[in-house]
Amino acid sequence: MSEAIAKAGNVLIVGFRTGYPVAMRLRESLAQVRPRVLLAPQPGQSLGEELVHAGAGDVVIVIGFRRRVSGFGDIMRFLPRTGAKTVLIADSTARRYARSTAGTRAQVTSIPPTKVAESKLTRNPDSQDNRWNGILETACRLGRLETSPPTDVWDGTV
């Protein structure tokens, strides 16, 4: 699945409730190594407005921990219709959602959160953009990175 994420046209990360902070962090991390990583739902937007652009060649990553929103099953049943590959990162109680898409053309992969930490997602070597160097260069130009060790570090003494 990491290869599909690396080569996807767009990656849409969906998170609700306790999954939203995880989705935000995943989006932030993936944006460091590839372009076109989106987070949904955005404030003031419905999920339908976010999913309307998902299609073949894209990957939708859904974060779904316990106490999921009431329409979670509907979302998981809808996603295969978009043509995008779907990845579900969830606790063990969400297995039924991965199974609910069986028989569709889309691939749904359920990944326990511990496996996400072990995965090795790297930048697409075929990509012509060098996103990481661009981010680093921009951060340096904006003065957002330290170029030398700080001199005013607290040594713990009072």
C-alpha atoms as a PDB file:
ATOM      1  CA  MET A   1       0.000   0.000   0.000  1.00  0.00           C
ATOM      2  CA  SER A   2       2.913   2.378   0.622  1.00  0.00           C
ATOM      3  CA  GLU A   3       3.779   2.174  -3.077  1.00  0.00           C
ATOM      4  CA  ALA A   4       0.195   3.093  -4.006  1.00  0.00           C
ATOM      5  CA  ILE A   5       0.385   6.098  -1.674  1.00  0.00           C
ATOM      6  CA  ALA A   6       3.740   7.177  -3.107  1.00  0.00           C
ATOM      7  CA  LYS A   7       2.494   6.944  -6.707  1.00  0.00           C
ATOM      8  CA  ALA A   8      -1.061   8.287  -6.187  1.00  0.00           C
ATOM      9  CA  GLY A   9      -2.216  11.371  -8.013  1.00  0.00           C
ATOM     10  CA  ASN A  10      -3.802  12.697  -4.821  1.00  0.00           C
ATOM     11  CA  VAL A  11      -3.892  11.398  -1.280  1.00  0.00           C
ATOM     12  CA  LEU A  12      -6.953  12.363   0.748  1.00  0.00           C
ATOM     13  CA  ILE A  13      -6.781  11.693   4.468  1.00  0.00           C
ATOM     14  CA  VAL A  14     -10.125  11.510   6.261  1.00  0.00           C
ATOM     15  CA  GLY A  15     -10.429  11.667  10.034  1.00  0.00           C
ATOM     16  CA  PHE A  16     -13.287  12.206  12.464  1.00  0.00           C
ATOM     17  CA  ARG A  17     -13.427  12.703  16.211  1.00  0.00           C
ATOM     18  CA  THR A  18     -10.375  11.056  17.833  1.00  0.00           C
ATOM     19  CA  GLY A  19      -9.016  10.167  14.395  1.00  0.00           C
ATOM     20  CA  TYR A  20      -8.803  13.789  13.222  1.00  0.00           C
ATOM     21  CA  PRO A  21      -5.570  14.667  15.089  1.00  0.00           C
ATOM     22  CA  VAL A  22      -3.996  11.472  13.729  1.00  0.00           C
ATOM     23  CA  ALA A  23      -5.180  12.425  10.229  1.00  0.00           C
ATOM     24  CA  MET A  24      -3.712  15.916  10.652  1.00  0.00           C
ATOM     25  CA  ARG A  25      -0.348  14.507  11.702  1.00  0.00           C
ATOM     26  CA  LEU A  26      -0.322  11.958   8.878  1.00  0.00           C
ATOM     27  CA  ARG A  27      -1.142  14.669   6.359  1.00  0.00           C
ATOM     28  CA  GLU A  28       1.665  16.836   7.707  1.00  0.00           C
ATOM     29  CA  SER A  29       4.154  13.962   7.464  1.00  0.00           C
ATOM     30  CA  LEU A  30       3.126  12.843   3.970  1.00  0.00           C
ATOM     31  CA  ALA A  31       3.236  16.439   2.703  1.00  0.00           C
ATOM     32  CA  GLN A  32       6.954  16.414   3.519  1.00  0.00           C
ATOM     33  CA  VAL A  33       7.622  13.648   0.991  1.00  0.00           C
ATOM     34  CA  ARG A  34       4.995  14.072  -1.725  1.00  0.00           C
ATOM     35  CA  PRO A  35       2.721  16.735  -3.221  1.00  0.00           C
ATOM     36  CA  ARG A  36      -1.097  16.806  -3.255  1.00  0.00           C
ATOM     37  CA  VAL A  37      -1.896  15.486   0.217  1.00  0.00           C
ATOM     38  CA  LEU A  38      -5.281  16.730   1.422  1.00  0.00           C
ATOM     39  CA  LEU A  39      -7.067  16.567   4.776  1.00  0.00           C
ATOM     40  CA  ALA A  40     -10.820  16.112   5.099  1.00  0.00           C
ATOM     41  CA  PRO A  41     -13.204  17.248   6.217  1.00  0.00           C
ATOM     42  CA  GLN A  42     -12.032  20.835   6.259  1.00  0.00           C
ATOM     43  CA  PRO A  43     -13.819  23.230   8.627  1.00  0.00           C
ATOM     44  CA  GLY A  44     -17.115  24.328   7.128  1.00  0.00           C
ATOM     45  CA  GLN A  45     -17.065  21.652   4.427  1.00  0.00           C
ATOM     46  CA  SER A  46     -19.048  18.464   4.166  1.00  0.00           C
ATOM     47  CA  LEU A  47     -17.223  15.258   3.377  1.00  0.00           C
ATOM     48  CA  GLY A  48     -19.099  15.036   0.073  1.00  0.00           C
ATOM     49  CA  GLU A  49     -17.442  18.277  -1.024  1.00  0.00           C
ATOM     50  CA  GLU A  50     -14.069  16.712  -0.278  1.00  0.00           C
ATOM     51  CA  LEU A  51     -14.725  13.294  -1.860  1.00  0.00           C
ATOM     52  CA  VAL A  52     -16.193  14.588  -5.117  1.00  0.00           C
ATOM     53  CA  HIS A  53     -12.697  14.867  -6.615  1.00  0.00           C
ATOM     54  CA  ALA A  54     -11.424  11.405  -5.547  1.00  0.00           C
ATOM     55  CA  GLY A  55     -11.024   8.987  -8.412  1.00  0.00           C
ATOM     56  CA  ALA A  56      -8.935   6.309 -10.058  1.00  0.00           C
ATOM     57  CA  GLY A  57      -5.253   6.794  -9.341  1.00  0.00           C
ATOM     58  CA  ASP A  58      -5.946   8.414  -5.967  1.00  0.00           C
ATOM     59  CA  VAL A  59      -5.703   7.000  -2.460  1.00  0.00           C
ATOM     60  CA  VAL A  60      -8.127   7.797   0.361  1.00  0.00           C
ATOM     61  CA  ILE A  61      -6.809   7.053   3.849  1.00  0.00           C
ATOM     62  CA  VAL A  62      -9.551   6.842   6.480  1.00  0.00           C
ATOM     63  CA  ILE A  63      -8.676   7.049  10.173  1.00  0.00           C
ATOM     64  CA  GLY A  64     -11.419   5.319  12.157  1.00  0.00           C
ATOM     65  CA  PHE A  65     -10.973   4.662  15.844  1.00  0.00           C
ATOM     66  CA  ARG A  66     -13.698   3.707  18.323  1.00  0.00           C
ATOM     67  CA  ARG A  67     -16.610   6.079  18.761  1.00  0.00           C
ATOM     68  CA  ARG A  68     -16.763   6.693  15.030  1.00  0.00           C
ATOM     69  CA  VAL A  69     -19.306   9.084  13.535  1.00  0.00           C
ATOM     70  CA  SER A  70     -22.701   7.544  12.809  1.00  0.00           C
ATOM     71  CA  GLY A  71     -22.275   7.599   9.020  1.00  0.00           C
ATOM     72  CA  PHE A  72     -18.875   5.902   9.054  1.00  0.00           C
ATOM     73  CA  GLY A  73     -20.188   2.693   7.485  1.00  0.00           C
ATOM     74  CA  ASP A  74     -21.889   4.676   4.715  1.00  0.00           C
ATOM     75  CA  ILE A  75     -18.619   6.460   3.980  1.00  0.00           C
ATOM     76  CA  MET A  76     -16.719   3.176   3.778  1.00  0.00           C
ATOM     77  CA  ARG A  77     -19.370   1.704   1.443  1.00  0.00           C
ATOM     78  CA  PHE A  78     -19.274   4.820  -0.756  1.00  0.00           C
ATOM     79  CA  LEU A  79     -15.499   5.078  -1.182  1.00  0.00           C
ATOM     80  CA  PRO A  80     -15.102   2.114  -3.578  1.00  0.00           C
ATOM     81  CA  ARG A  81     -17.467   3.869  -5.991  1.00  0.00           C
ATOM     82  CA  THR A  82     -14.944   6.698  -6.391  1.00  0.00           C
ATOM     83  CA  GLY A  83     -12.388   4.335  -7.954  1.00  0.00           C
ATOM     84  CA  ALA A  84      -9.724   5.452  -5.476  1.00  0.00           C
ATOM     85  CA  LYS A  85      -7.853   2.899  -3.410  1.00  0.00           C
ATOM     86  CA  THR A  86      -8.949   3.040   0.209  1.00  0.00           C
ATOM     87  CA  VAL A  87      -6.787   2.482   3.268  1.00  0.00           C
ATOM     88  CA  LEU A  88      -8.459   2.109   6.665  1.00  0.00           C
ATOM     89  CA  ILE A  89      -6.304   2.766   9.715  1.00  0.00           C
ATOM     90  CA  ALA A  90      -8.341   1.673  12.691  1.00  0.00           C
ATOM     91  CA  ASP A  91      -8.611  -0.384  15.829  1.00  0.00           C
ATOM     92  CA  SER A  92      -9.791  -3.998  15.669  1.00  0.00           C
ATOM     93  CA  THR A  93     -13.475  -3.053  16.036  1.00  0.00           C
ATOM     94  CA  ALA A  94     -13.439  -1.562  12.524  1.00  0.00           C
ATOM     95  CA  ARG A  95     -12.784  -4.831  10.669  1.00  0.00           C
ATOM     96  CA  ARG A  96     -16.386  -4.998   9.537  1.00  0.00           C
ATOM     97  CA  TYR A  97     -15.940  -1.760   7.584  1.00  0.00           C
ATOM     98  CA  ALA A  98     -13.089  -3.200   5.544  1.00  0.00           C
ATOM     99  CA  ARG A  99     -15.211  -6.298   4.887  1.00  0.00           C
ATOM    100  CA  SER A 100     -18.246  -4.211   3.914  1.00  0.00           C
ATOM    101  CA  THR A 101     -16.480  -3.199   0.721  1.00  0.00           C
ATOM    102  CA  ALA A 102     -15.742  -6.787  -0.345  1.00  0.00           C
ATOM    103  CA  GLY A 103     -16.777  -7.547  -3.893  1.00  0.00           C
ATOM    104  CA  THR A 104     -16.082  -4.026  -5.145  1.00  0.00           C
ATOM    105  CA  ARG A 105     -13.360  -3.072  -7.601  1.00  0.00           C
ATOM    106  CA  ALA A 106     -11.604  -0.842  -5.087  1.00  0.00           C
ATOM    107  CA  GLN A 107      -8.983  -2.192  -2.762  1.00  0.00           C
ATOM    108  CA  VAL A 108      -9.560  -1.568   0.935  1.00  0.00           C
ATOM    109  CA  THR A 109      -6.713  -2.351   3.255  1.00  0.00           C
ATOM    110  CA  SER A 110      -7.131  -2.276   7.014  1.00  0.00           C
ATOM    111  CA  ILE A 111      -3.920  -1.336   8.786  1.00  0.00           C
ATOM    112  CA  PRO A 112      -3.530  -1.463  12.569  1.00  0.00           C
ATOM    113  CA  PRO A 113      -2.001   1.793  13.881  1.00  0.00           C
ATOM    114  CA  THR A 114       1.148  -0.046  15.048  1.00  0.00           C
ATOM    115  CA  LYS A 115       1.903  -1.110  11.473  1.00  0.00           C
ATOM    116  CA  VAL A 116       1.682   2.494  10.250  1.00  0.00           C
ATOM    117  CA  ALA A 117       4.593   3.427  12.498  1.00  0.00           C
ATOM    118  CA  GLU A 118       6.650   0.564  11.022  1.00  0.00           C
ATOM    119  CA  SER A 119       5.926   1.330   7.349  1.00  0.00           C
ATOM    120  CA  LYS A 120       8.573   2.725   5.052  1.00  0.00           C
ATOM    121  CA  LEU A 121       6.917   5.269   2.789  1.00  0.00           C
ATOM    122  CA  THR A 122       9.467   6.988   0.627  1.00  0.00           C
ATOM    123  CA  ARG A 123       9.262   9.648  -2.020  1.00  0.00           C
ATOM    124  CA  ASN A 124       8.325   8.390  -5.464  1.00  0.00           C
ATOM    125  CA  PRO A 125      11.692   7.976  -7.233  1.00  0.00           C
ATOM    126  CA  ASP A 126      10.026   8.576 -10.609  1.00  0.00           C
ATOM    127  CA  SER A 127       8.739  11.976  -9.535  1.00  0.00           C
ATOM    128  CA  GLN A 128      10.416  14.936 -11.211  1.00  0.00           C
ATOM    129  CA  ASP A 129       9.818  17.321  -8.312  1.00  0.00           C
ATOM    130  CA  ASN A 130      12.204  17.342  -5.405  1.00  0.00           C
ATOM    131  CA  ARG A 131       9.663  18.281  -2.758  1.00  0.00           C
ATOM    132  CA  TRP A 132      11.826  17.745   0.288  1.00  0.00           C
ATOM    133  CA  ASN A 133      14.639  19.979  -0.988  1.00  0.00           C
ATOM    134  CA  GLY A 134      12.086  22.619  -1.966  1.00  0.00           C
ATOM    135  CA  ILE A 135      10.576  22.595   1.520  1.00  0.00           C
ATOM    136  CA  LEU A 136      14.012  22.795   3.117  1.00  0.00           C
ATOM    137  CA  GLU A 137      15.115  25.620   0.825  1.00  0.00           C
ATOM    138  CA  THR A 138      11.933  27.610   1.460  1.00  0.00           C
ATOM    139  CA  ALA A 139      12.200  27.133   5.223  1.00  0.00           C
ATOM    140  CA  CYS A 140      15.796  28.382   5.148  1.00  0.00           C
ATOM    141  CA  ARG A 141      14.829  31.420   3.062  1.00  0.00           C
ATOM    142  CA  LEU A 142      12.084  32.256   5.522  1.00  0.00           C
ATOM    143  CA  GLY A 143      14.488  31.915   8.438  1.00  0.00           C
ATOM    144  CA  ARG A 144      12.462  29.060   9.923  1.00  0.00           C
ATOM    145  CA  LEU A 145      15.412  26.747  10.503  1.00  0.00           C
ATOM    146  CA  GLU A 146      18.314  27.277  12.838  1.00  0.00           C
ATOM    147  CA  THR A 147      21.636  27.276  11.048  1.00  0.00           C
ATOM    148  CA  SER A 148      23.710  27.142  14.225  1.00  0.00           C
ATOM    149  CA  PRO A 149      23.133  25.758  17.717  1.00  0.00           C
ATOM    150  CA  PRO A 150      21.162  28.096  19.998  1.00  0.00           C
ATOM    151  CA  THR A 151      23.238  29.983  22.553  1.00  0.00           C
ATOM    152  CA  ASP A 152      20.462  30.674  25.025  1.00  0.00           C
ATOM    153  CA  VAL A 153      19.675  27.084  26.002  1.00  0.00           C
ATOM    154  CA  TRP A 154      18.603  26.608  29.608  1.00  0.00           C
ATOM    155  CA  ASP A 155      21.002  24.255  31.364  1.00  0.00           C
ATOM    156  CA  GLY A 156      18.525  23.258  34.055  1.00  0.00           C
ATOM    157  CA  THR A 157      20.101  25.233  36.905  1.00  0.00           C
ATOM    158  CA  VAL A 158      18.155  27.728  38.982  1.00  0.00           C
END
